[in-house]
């Protein structure tokens, strides 16, 4: 596990027990669930590599799509194939 990941691992584990009640309603459930998902991801090196690769591909797709639009929101002619 990379050291940068290890630095966020402990706080993420702590958030698995996060409690926040508002008007007798558990508002911390979403935080606890996301923390559990994050800890699970950080423990699985292969899944972490796959998610990073998937995120990079998505970033590249979005950057490519954004480069085809001008500031006026219109598609530029050179981006149409």
Protein backbone atom coordinates (compact mmCIF):
# COMPACT_ATOMS: atom_id res chain seq x y z
CA UNK A 1 0.00 0.00 0.00
CA UNK A 2 1.54 3.38 -1.00
CA UNK A 3 2.37 5.75 1.84
CA UNK A 4 -0.04 8.40 0.51
CA UNK A 5 -2.85 5.87 0.81
CA UNK A 6 -1.75 4.80 4.29
CA UNK A 7 -2.06 8.41 5.50
CA UNK A 8 -5.79 8.45 4.75
CA UNK A 9 -6.44 4.88 5.86
CA UNK A 10 -6.64 5.57 9.62
CA UNK A 11 -8.99 8.58 9.37
CA UNK A 12 -11.19 6.56 7.01
CA UNK A 13 -11.41 3.71 9.52
CA UNK A 14 -12.37 6.24 12.20
CA UNK A 15 -15.23 7.52 10.02
CA UNK A 16 -16.72 4.01 9.95
CA UNK A 17 -18.03 4.81 13.45
CA UNK A 18 -19.16 8.37 12.65
CA UNK A 19 -22.35 9.39 14.45
CA UNK A 20 -24.51 12.41 13.70
CA UNK A 21 -28.13 12.67 14.77
CA UNK A 22 -30.40 15.50 13.72
CA UNK A 23 -33.98 15.59 14.92
CA UNK A 24 -33.61 11.97 16.11
CA UNK A 25 -32.65 10.94 12.57
CA UNK A 26 -29.32 9.22 11.77
CA UNK A 27 -27.63 11.61 9.34
CA UNK A 28 -24.23 9.86 9.66
CA UNK A 29 -25.26 6.72 7.81
CA UNK A 30 -24.00 7.93 4.42
CA UNK A 31 -20.62 8.92 5.91
CA UNK A 32 -20.24 5.53 7.58
CA UNK A 33 -21.16 3.68 4.39
CA UNK A 34 -18.73 5.69 2.23
CA UNK A 35 -15.98 5.16 4.83
CA UNK A 36 -16.58 1.40 4.73
CA UNK A 37 -16.39 1.43 0.93
CA UNK A 38 -13.19 3.49 1.01
CA UNK A 39 -11.50 1.23 3.56
CA UNK A 40 -12.49 -1.81 1.52
CA UNK A 41 -11.01 -0.22 -1.62
CA UNK A 42 -7.78 0.75 0.15
CA UNK A 43 -7.30 -2.82 1.41
CA UNK A 44 -7.60 -4.31 -2.09
CA UNK A 45 -4.52 -3.38 -4.14
CA UNK A 46 -5.80 -4.86 -7.41
CA UNK A 47 -9.17 -3.15 -7.14
CA UNK A 48 -7.42 0.13 -6.29
CA UNK A 49 -5.24 -0.14 -9.42
CA UNK A 50 -8.31 -0.92 -11.54
CA UNK A 51 -10.25 2.04 -10.12
CA UNK A 52 -7.31 4.39 -10.73
CA UNK A 53 -7.00 3.17 -14.32
CA UNK A 54 -10.75 3.61 -14.83
CA UNK A 55 -10.62 7.12 -13.36
CA UNK A 56 -7.72 8.08 -15.63
CA UNK A 57 -9.62 6.88 -18.70
CA UNK A 58 -12.68 8.88 -17.64
CA UNK A 59 -10.53 11.97 -17.05
CA UNK A 60 -9.02 11.63 -20.52
CA UNK A 61 -12.47 11.20 -22.11
CA UNK A 62 -13.83 14.27 -20.34
CA UNK A 63 -10.78 16.36 -21.26
CA UNK A 64 -11.10 15.28 -24.88
CA UNK A 65 -14.83 16.04 -24.95
CA UNK A 66 -14.30 19.43 -23.30
CA UNK A 67 -11.64 20.42 -25.84
CA UNK A 68 -14.23 20.11 -28.62
CA UNK A 69 -16.42 22.88 -27.19
CA UNK A 70 -15.77 26.60 -27.48
CA UNK A 71 -16.40 29.15 -24.76
CA UNK A 72 -19.81 29.85 -26.30
CA UNK A 73 -20.82 26.21 -25.86
CA UNK A 74 -20.79 25.50 -29.57
CA UNK A 75 -18.91 22.56 -31.07
CA UNK A 76 -15.91 23.73 -33.06
CA UNK A 77 -15.62 22.54 -36.67
CA UNK A 78 -12.25 20.82 -36.17
CA UNK A 79 -13.72 18.50 -33.53
CA UNK A 80 -16.46 17.16 -35.83
CA UNK A 81 -15.40 14.07 -37.74
